């Protein structure tokens, strides 16, 4: 089943529906800004069903498919995706590369390689994970794409703690949307599968994208 962009609730709609709750003022890290609540979404479901300009694949360095979301995207896209990925020569951790979407509803796939979480090098892991989101967003803008959907990168087999990974993901998206390049994106969608990830986003999104007065009234 395909999901059109119009079917995916924005943060403003989620606030109005009471599906996410405003953060305490003391916890808020960024001010309300412009129409950001209309440009960010949280969606629980399958990323391969989204009819958007690009979905992000949590890939491995070979870019030749694997388990989890990586395998699901390759299966849904078909063999042509693997054929194109073979020509890319892999991808370093923290970087991203773009391909066509083939049989997916999404027009493109942005493949990014998240870090394997290392408890002894937490700062390095954090910088690499942040780079995954930043480079993916940069690629989207460079290719004139208007909407991009992210899975929870590195929280599966790569062992990144969900809360920490979610914090990094939302912070990077907020910083990018606040930049000049970020104005070129119409929608960024955080896609979660499990309830643990969903709860983490519901708790942290209001800290980075607080409720504005107009919506609160």
C-alpha atoms as a PDB file:
ATOM      1  CA  UNK A   1       0.000   0.000   0.000  1.00  0.00           C
ATOM      2  CA  UNK A   2       1.314   3.427  -0.949  1.00  0.00           C
ATOM      3  CA  UNK A   3       1.124   6.464   1.301  1.00  0.00           C
ATOM      4  CA  UNK A   4       0.873   9.879  -0.337  1.00  0.00           C
ATOM      5  CA  UNK A   5       2.520  12.846   1.341  1.00  0.00           C
ATOM      6  CA  UNK A   6      -0.903  14.345   2.050  1.00  0.00           C
ATOM      7  CA  UNK A   7      -1.751  11.308   4.229  1.00  0.00           C
ATOM      8  CA  UNK A   8       1.234  11.833   6.525  1.00  0.00           C
ATOM      9  CA  UNK A   9       0.518  14.093   9.482  1.00  0.00           C
ATOM     10  CA  UNK A  10       2.710  17.104  10.116  1.00  0.00           C
ATOM     11  CA  UNK A  11       3.867  18.027  13.602  1.00  0.00           C
ATOM     12  CA  UNK A  12       1.204  20.732  13.675  1.00  0.00           C
ATOM     13  CA  UNK A  13      -1.493  18.130  12.968  1.00  0.00           C
ATOM     14  CA  UNK A  14      -0.033  15.806  15.601  1.00  0.00           C
ATOM     15  CA  UNK A  15      -0.090  18.610  18.194  1.00  0.00           C
ATOM     16  CA  UNK A  16      -3.688  19.489  17.347  1.00  0.00           C
ATOM     17  CA  UNK A  17      -4.733  15.829  17.578  1.00  0.00           C
ATOM     18  CA  UNK A  18      -2.980  15.488  20.938  1.00  0.00           C
ATOM     19  CA  UNK A  19      -0.713  12.737  19.593  1.00  0.00           C
ATOM     20  CA  UNK A  20       2.349  14.650  20.754  1.00  0.00           C
ATOM     21  CA  UNK A  21       2.412  16.869  23.815  1.00  0.00           C
ATOM     22  CA  UNK A  22       4.135  20.254  24.230  1.00  0.00           C
ATOM     23  CA  UNK A  23       7.480  20.199  26.017  1.00  0.00           C
ATOM     24  CA  UNK A  24       8.093  22.029  29.266  1.00  0.00           C
ATOM     25  CA  UNK A  25       9.505  25.488  28.586  1.00  0.00           C
ATOM     26  CA  UNK A  26      12.679  24.670  30.530  1.00  0.00           C
ATOM     27  CA  UNK A  27      13.440  21.731  28.221  1.00  0.00           C
ATOM     28  CA  UNK A  28      12.984  23.514  24.875  1.00  0.00           C
ATOM     29  CA  UNK A  29      16.241  23.806  22.911  1.00  0.00           C
ATOM     30  CA  UNK A  30      15.056  25.881  19.930  1.00  0.00           C
ATOM     31  CA  UNK A  31      12.496  28.620  19.459  1.00  0.00           C
ATOM     32  CA  UNK A  32       9.434  28.217  17.284  1.00  0.00           C
ATOM     33  CA  UNK A  33      10.322  29.338  13.784  1.00  0.00           C
ATOM     34  CA  UNK A  34       8.143  30.077  10.767  1.00  0.00           C
ATOM     35  CA  UNK A  35       6.285  27.130   9.315  1.00  0.00           C
ATOM     36  CA  UNK A  36       8.560  24.349  10.589  1.00  0.00           C
ATOM     37  CA  UNK A  37       5.642  22.522  12.226  1.00  0.00           C
ATOM     38  CA  UNK A  38       4.193  22.084   8.726  1.00  0.00           C
ATOM     39  CA  UNK A  39       7.456  20.764   7.281  1.00  0.00           C
ATOM     40  CA  UNK A  40       8.277  17.912   9.689  1.00  0.00           C
ATOM     41  CA  UNK A  41       6.357  14.659  10.198  1.00  0.00           C
ATOM     42  CA  UNK A  42       6.454  11.546  12.348  1.00  0.00           C
ATOM     43  CA  UNK A  43       5.093   8.398  10.721  1.00  0.00           C
ATOM     44  CA  UNK A  44       4.860   4.871  12.096  1.00  0.00           C
ATOM     45  CA  UNK A  45       4.867   2.315   9.323  1.00  0.00           C
ATOM     46  CA  UNK A  46       6.914   0.982   6.432  1.00  0.00           C
ATOM     47  CA  UNK A  47       9.278   3.406   4.741  1.00  0.00           C
ATOM     48  CA  UNK A  48       9.013   1.544   1.422  1.00  0.00           C
ATOM     49  CA  UNK A  49       5.341   2.555   1.082  1.00  0.00           C
ATOM     50  CA  UNK A  50       5.946   6.317   1.077  1.00  0.00           C
ATOM     51  CA  UNK A  51       5.278   8.213  -2.129  1.00  0.00           C
ATOM     52  CA  UNK A  52       7.910  10.921  -1.690  1.00  0.00           C
ATOM     53  CA  UNK A  53      10.903  12.304  -3.551  1.00  0.00           C
ATOM     54  CA  UNK A  54      13.390  10.252  -1.531  1.00  0.00           C
ATOM     55  CA  UNK A  55      13.598   7.704   1.240  1.00  0.00           C
ATOM     56  CA  UNK A  56      16.823   7.147   3.142  1.00  0.00           C
ATOM     57  CA  UNK A  57      18.296   3.670   3.364  1.00  0.00           C
ATOM     58  CA  UNK A  58      20.284   2.670   6.440  1.00  0.00           C
ATOM     59  CA  UNK A  59      22.854   0.846   4.308  1.00  0.00           C
ATOM     60  CA  UNK A  60      26.126  -0.921   4.938  1.00  0.00           C
ATOM     61  CA  UNK A  61      29.401   0.211   3.370  1.00  0.00           C
ATOM     62  CA  UNK A  62      29.066  -2.113   0.377  1.00  0.00           C
ATOM     63  CA  UNK A  63      25.660  -0.639  -0.574  1.00  0.00           C
ATOM     64  CA  UNK A  64      24.744  -4.108  -1.845  1.00  0.00           C
ATOM     65  CA  UNK A  65      21.863  -4.815   0.511  1.00  0.00           C
ATOM     66  CA  UNK A  66      21.592  -6.426   3.910  1.00  0.00           C
ATOM     67  CA  UNK A  67      19.090  -6.989   6.684  1.00  0.00           C
ATOM     68  CA  UNK A  68      16.447  -4.790   8.252  1.00  0.00           C
ATOM     69  CA  UNK A  69      15.346  -1.676   6.373  1.00  0.00           C
ATOM     70  CA  UNK A  70      18.242  -2.110   3.921  1.00  0.00           C
ATOM     71  CA  UNK A  71      16.963  -5.494   2.761  1.00  0.00           C
ATOM     72  CA  UNK A  72      13.355  -4.293   2.684  1.00  0.00           C
ATOM     73  CA  UNK A  73      14.250  -1.371   0.424  1.00  0.00           C
ATOM     74  CA  UNK A  74      16.251  -3.547  -1.961  1.00  0.00           C
ATOM     75  CA  UNK A  75      13.457  -6.110  -2.177  1.00  0.00           C
ATOM     76  CA  UNK A  76      10.820  -3.469  -2.845  1.00  0.00           C
ATOM     77  CA  UNK A  77      12.931  -1.559  -5.372  1.00  0.00           C
ATOM     78  CA  UNK A  78      13.907  -4.611  -7.409  1.00  0.00           C
ATOM     79  CA  UNK A  79      17.128  -5.811  -9.015  1.00  0.00           C
ATOM     80  CA  UNK A  80      17.760  -2.543 -10.826  1.00  0.00           C
ATOM     81  CA  UNK A  81      18.599  -0.884  -7.522  1.00  0.00           C
ATOM     82  CA  UNK A  82      21.303  -3.443  -6.777  1.00  0.00           C
ATOM     83  CA  UNK A  83      22.671  -3.019 -10.297  1.00  0.00           C
ATOM     84  CA  UNK A  84      22.993   0.744  -9.814  1.00  0.00           C
ATOM     85  CA  UNK A  85      24.488   0.338  -6.342  1.00  0.00           C
ATOM     86  CA  UNK A  86      27.206  -1.949  -7.740  1.00  0.00           C
ATOM     87  CA  UNK A  87      28.443   1.003  -9.786  1.00  0.00           C
ATOM     88  CA  UNK A  88      28.840   3.314  -6.783  1.00  0.00           C
ATOM     89  CA  UNK A  89      31.896   1.646  -5.257  1.00  0.00           C
ATOM     90  CA  UNK A  90      30.495   1.482  -1.746  1.00  0.00           C
ATOM     91  CA  UNK A  91      30.151   4.345   0.723  1.00  0.00           C
ATOM     92  CA  UNK A  92      32.166   5.413   3.795  1.00  0.00           C
ATOM     93  CA  UNK A  93      30.525   5.512   7.211  1.00  0.00           C
ATOM     94  CA  UNK A  94      28.883   8.886   7.757  1.00  0.00           C
ATOM     95  CA  UNK A  95      28.515   9.656   4.064  1.00  0.00           C
ATOM     96  CA  UNK A  96      25.620   9.166   1.612  1.00  0.00           C
ATOM     97  CA  UNK A  97      24.988   8.390  -2.058  1.00  0.00           C
ATOM     98  CA  UNK A  98      21.843   8.632  -4.173  1.00  0.00           C
ATOM     99  CA  UNK A  99      20.177   6.276  -6.650  1.00  0.00           C
ATOM    100  CA  UNK A 100      16.861   5.994  -8.442  1.00  0.00           C
ATOM    101  CA  UNK A 101      13.943   4.361  -6.618  1.00  0.00           C
ATOM    102  CA  UNK A 102      12.894   1.938  -9.394  1.00  0.00           C
ATOM    103  CA  UNK A 103       9.877  -0.089  -8.188  1.00  0.00           C
ATOM    104  CA  UNK A 104       9.467   1.953  -5.009  1.00  0.00           C
ATOM    105  CA  UNK A 105       6.822   4.685  -4.726  1.00  0.00           C
ATOM    106  CA  UNK A 106       9.733   6.993  -3.840  1.00  0.00           C
ATOM    107  CA  UNK A 107      11.562   8.540  -6.784  1.00  0.00           C
ATOM    108  CA  UNK A 108      14.999   8.153  -5.208  1.00  0.00           C
ATOM    109  CA  UNK A 109      16.869   6.299  -2.495  1.00  0.00           C
ATOM    110  CA  UNK A 110      19.560   8.070  -0.498  1.00  0.00           C
ATOM    111  CA  UNK A 111      21.875   5.418   0.939  1.00  0.00           C
ATOM    112  CA  UNK A 112      23.737   6.393   4.100  1.00  0.00           C
ATOM    113  CA  UNK A 113      26.045   4.298   6.260  1.00  0.00           C
ATOM    114  CA  UNK A 114      25.541   4.703   9.980  1.00  0.00           C
ATOM    115  CA  UNK A 115      28.155   3.878  12.603  1.00  0.00           C
ATOM    116  CA  UNK A 116      28.278   0.743  14.690  1.00  0.00           C
ATOM    117  CA  UNK A 117      27.858   2.130  18.204  1.00  0.00           C
ATOM    118  CA  UNK A 118      31.082   2.120  20.206  1.00  0.00           C
ATOM    119  CA  UNK A 119      30.737   2.726  23.953  1.00  0.00           C
ATOM    120  CA  UNK A 120      34.432   3.616  24.126  1.00  0.00           C
ATOM    121  CA  UNK A 121      34.159   6.215  21.349  1.00  0.00           C
ATOM    122  CA  UNK A 122      30.771   7.814  21.955  1.00  0.00           C
ATOM    123  CA  UNK A 123      31.751  11.202  20.503  1.00  0.00           C
ATOM    124  CA  UNK A 124      33.049   9.617  17.303  1.00  0.00           C
ATOM    125  CA  UNK A 125      29.875   7.560  16.927  1.00  0.00           C
ATOM    126  CA  UNK A 126      27.756  10.673  17.457  1.00  0.00           C
ATOM    127  CA  UNK A 127      29.656  12.700  14.859  1.00  0.00           C
ATOM    128  CA  UNK A 128      29.340   9.932  12.273  1.00  0.00           C
ATOM    129  CA  UNK A 129      25.625   9.504  12.914  1.00  0.00           C
ATOM    130  CA  UNK A 130      25.029  13.259  12.681  1.00  0.00           C
ATOM    131  CA  UNK A 131      26.928  13.270   9.394  1.00  0.00           C
ATOM    132  CA  UNK A 132      24.563  10.613   7.997  1.00  0.00           C
ATOM    133  CA  UNK A 133      21.580  12.914   8.440  1.00  0.00           C
ATOM    134  CA  UNK A 134      23.410  16.037   7.280  1.00  0.00           C
ATOM    135  CA  UNK A 135      24.860  14.439   4.148  1.00  0.00           C
ATOM    136  CA  UNK A 136      21.499  12.883   3.247  1.00  0.00           C
ATOM    137  CA  UNK A 137      19.766  16.261   3.521  1.00  0.00           C
ATOM    138  CA  UNK A 138      22.509  17.930   1.502  1.00  0.00           C
ATOM    139  CA  UNK A 139      22.137  15.328  -1.250  1.00  0.00           C
ATOM    140  CA  UNK A 140      18.392  15.849  -1.332  1.00  0.00           C
ATOM    141  CA  UNK A 141      18.804  19.588  -1.859  1.00  0.00           C
ATOM    142  CA  UNK A 142      21.608  19.137  -4.392  1.00  0.00           C
ATOM    143  CA  UNK A 143      19.262  16.952  -6.439  1.00  0.00           C
ATOM    144  CA  UNK A 144      16.334  19.409  -6.165  1.00  0.00           C
ATOM    145  CA  UNK A 145      14.265  17.012  -4.061  1.00  0.00           C
ATOM    146  CA  UNK A 146      11.519  18.480  -1.894  1.00  0.00           C
ATOM    147  CA  UNK A 147      10.786  15.730   0.608  1.00  0.00           C
ATOM    148  CA  UNK A 148      12.881  13.076   2.295  1.00  0.00           C
ATOM    149  CA  UNK A 149      11.971  10.302   4.746  1.00  0.00           C
ATOM    150  CA  UNK A 150      14.414   8.891   7.308  1.00  0.00           C
ATOM    151  CA  UNK A 151      14.405   5.578   9.184  1.00  0.00           C
ATOM    152  CA  UNK A 152      16.042   5.361  12.615  1.00  0.00           C
ATOM    153  CA  UNK A 153      19.649   4.992  11.473  1.00  0.00           C
ATOM    154  CA  UNK A 154      22.006   2.673  13.417  1.00  0.00           C
ATOM    155  CA  UNK A 155      19.463   1.750  16.132  1.00  0.00           C
ATOM    156  CA  UNK A 156      19.019  -1.833  14.953  1.00  0.00           C
ATOM    157  CA  UNK A 157      21.893  -4.264  14.474  1.00  0.00           C
ATOM    158  CA  UNK A 158      24.396  -1.410  14.845  1.00  0.00           C
ATOM    159  CA  UNK A 159      23.365  -1.016  18.474  1.00  0.00           C
ATOM    160  CA  UNK A 160      22.990   2.741  18.816  1.00  0.00           C
ATOM    161  CA  UNK A 161      20.875   3.595  21.906  1.00  0.00           C
ATOM    162  CA  UNK A 162      17.473   4.726  20.647  1.00  0.00           C
ATOM    163  CA  UNK A 163      17.182   7.881  22.759  1.00  0.00           C
ATOM    164  CA  UNK A 164      20.678   9.100  21.858  1.00  0.00           C
ATOM    165  CA  UNK A 165      20.232   8.343  18.161  1.00  0.00           C
ATOM    166  CA  UNK A 166      16.858  10.093  18.082  1.00  0.00           C
ATOM    167  CA  UNK A 167      18.302  13.161  19.785  1.00  0.00           C
ATOM    168  CA  UNK A 168      21.016  13.396  17.131  1.00  0.00           C
ATOM    169  CA  UNK A 169      18.584  12.825  14.252  1.00  0.00           C
ATOM    170  CA  UNK A 170      16.153  15.543  15.299  1.00  0.00           C
ATOM    171  CA  UNK A 171      18.891  18.033  16.145  1.00  0.00           C
ATOM    172  CA  UNK A 172      20.549  17.630  12.739  1.00  0.00           C
ATOM    173  CA  UNK A 173      17.252  18.042  10.912  1.00  0.00           C
ATOM    174  CA  UNK A 174      16.384  21.147  12.935  1.00  0.00           C
ATOM    175  CA  UNK A 175      19.768  22.751  12.236  1.00  0.00           C
ATOM    176  CA  UNK A 176      19.500  21.973   8.537  1.00  0.00           C
ATOM    177  CA  UNK A 177      15.968  23.317   8.200  1.00  0.00           C
ATOM    178  CA  UNK A 178      17.128  26.514   9.894  1.00  0.00           C
ATOM    179  CA  UNK A 179      19.857  26.962   7.270  1.00  0.00           C
ATOM    180  CA  UNK A 180      19.519  28.558   3.846  1.00  0.00           C
ATOM    181  CA  UNK A 181      19.738  25.146   2.167  1.00  0.00           C
ATOM    182  CA  UNK A 182      16.983  23.852   4.415  1.00  0.00           C
ATOM    183  CA  UNK A 183      14.467  26.337   3.037  1.00  0.00           C
ATOM    184  CA  UNK A 184      14.478  24.301  -0.189  1.00  0.00           C
ATOM    185  CA  UNK A 185      12.909  21.270   1.509  1.00  0.00           C
ATOM    186  CA  UNK A 186       9.136  21.064   1.911  1.00  0.00           C
ATOM    187  CA  UNK A 187       8.982  18.050   4.235  1.00  0.00           C
ATOM    188  CA  UNK A 188      11.231  15.852   6.344  1.00  0.00           C
ATOM    189  CA  UNK A 189       9.599  12.684   7.664  1.00  0.00           C
ATOM    190  CA  UNK A 190      10.867  10.581  10.550  1.00  0.00           C
ATOM    191  CA  UNK A 191       9.689   7.019   9.955  1.00  0.00           C
ATOM    192  CA  UNK A 192       9.561   4.571  12.853  1.00  0.00           C
ATOM    193  CA  UNK A 193       8.581   0.929  12.984  1.00  0.00           C
ATOM    194  CA  UNK A 194       8.608  -0.048  16.650  1.00  0.00           C
ATOM    195  CA  UNK A 195       6.902   1.607  19.605  1.00  0.00           C
ATOM    196  CA  UNK A 196      10.203   2.308  21.395  1.00  0.00           C
ATOM    197  CA  UNK A 197      11.396   4.500  18.528  1.00  0.00           C
ATOM    198  CA  UNK A 198       7.992   6.159  18.214  1.00  0.00           C
ATOM    199  CA  UNK A 199       7.941   7.054  21.903  1.00  0.00           C
ATOM    200  CA  UNK A 200      11.450   8.509  21.703  1.00  0.00           C
ATOM    201  CA  UNK A 201      10.440  10.784  18.830  1.00  0.00           C
ATOM    202  CA  UNK A 202       7.188  11.802  20.529  1.00  0.00           C
ATOM    203  CA  UNK A 203       9.149  12.864  23.608  1.00  0.00           C
ATOM    204  CA  UNK A 204      11.996  14.638  21.810  1.00  0.00           C
ATOM    205  CA  UNK A 205      10.345  16.334  18.825  1.00  0.00           C
ATOM    206  CA  UNK A 206       8.587  18.946  21.017  1.00  0.00           C
ATOM    207  CA  UNK A 207      11.953  19.938  22.484  1.00  0.00           C
ATOM    208  CA  UNK A 208      13.372  20.792  19.047  1.00  0.00           C
ATOM    209  CA  UNK A 209      10.115  21.818  17.338  1.00  0.00           C
ATOM    210  CA  UNK A 210       8.032  23.436  20.092  1.00  0.00           C
ATOM    211  CA  UNK A 211       4.367  24.223  19.836  1.00  0.00           C
ATOM    212  CA  UNK A 212       3.663  27.760  18.597  1.00  0.00           C
ATOM    213  CA  UNK A 213       1.060  30.108  20.069  1.00  0.00           C
ATOM    214  CA  UNK A 214      -1.236  29.924  17.037  1.00  0.00           C
ATOM    215  CA  UNK A 215      -1.557  26.131  17.310  1.00  0.00           C
ATOM    216  CA  UNK A 216      -1.872  26.200  21.094  1.00  0.00           C
ATOM    217  CA  UNK A 217      -4.924  28.474  20.993  1.00  0.00           C
END
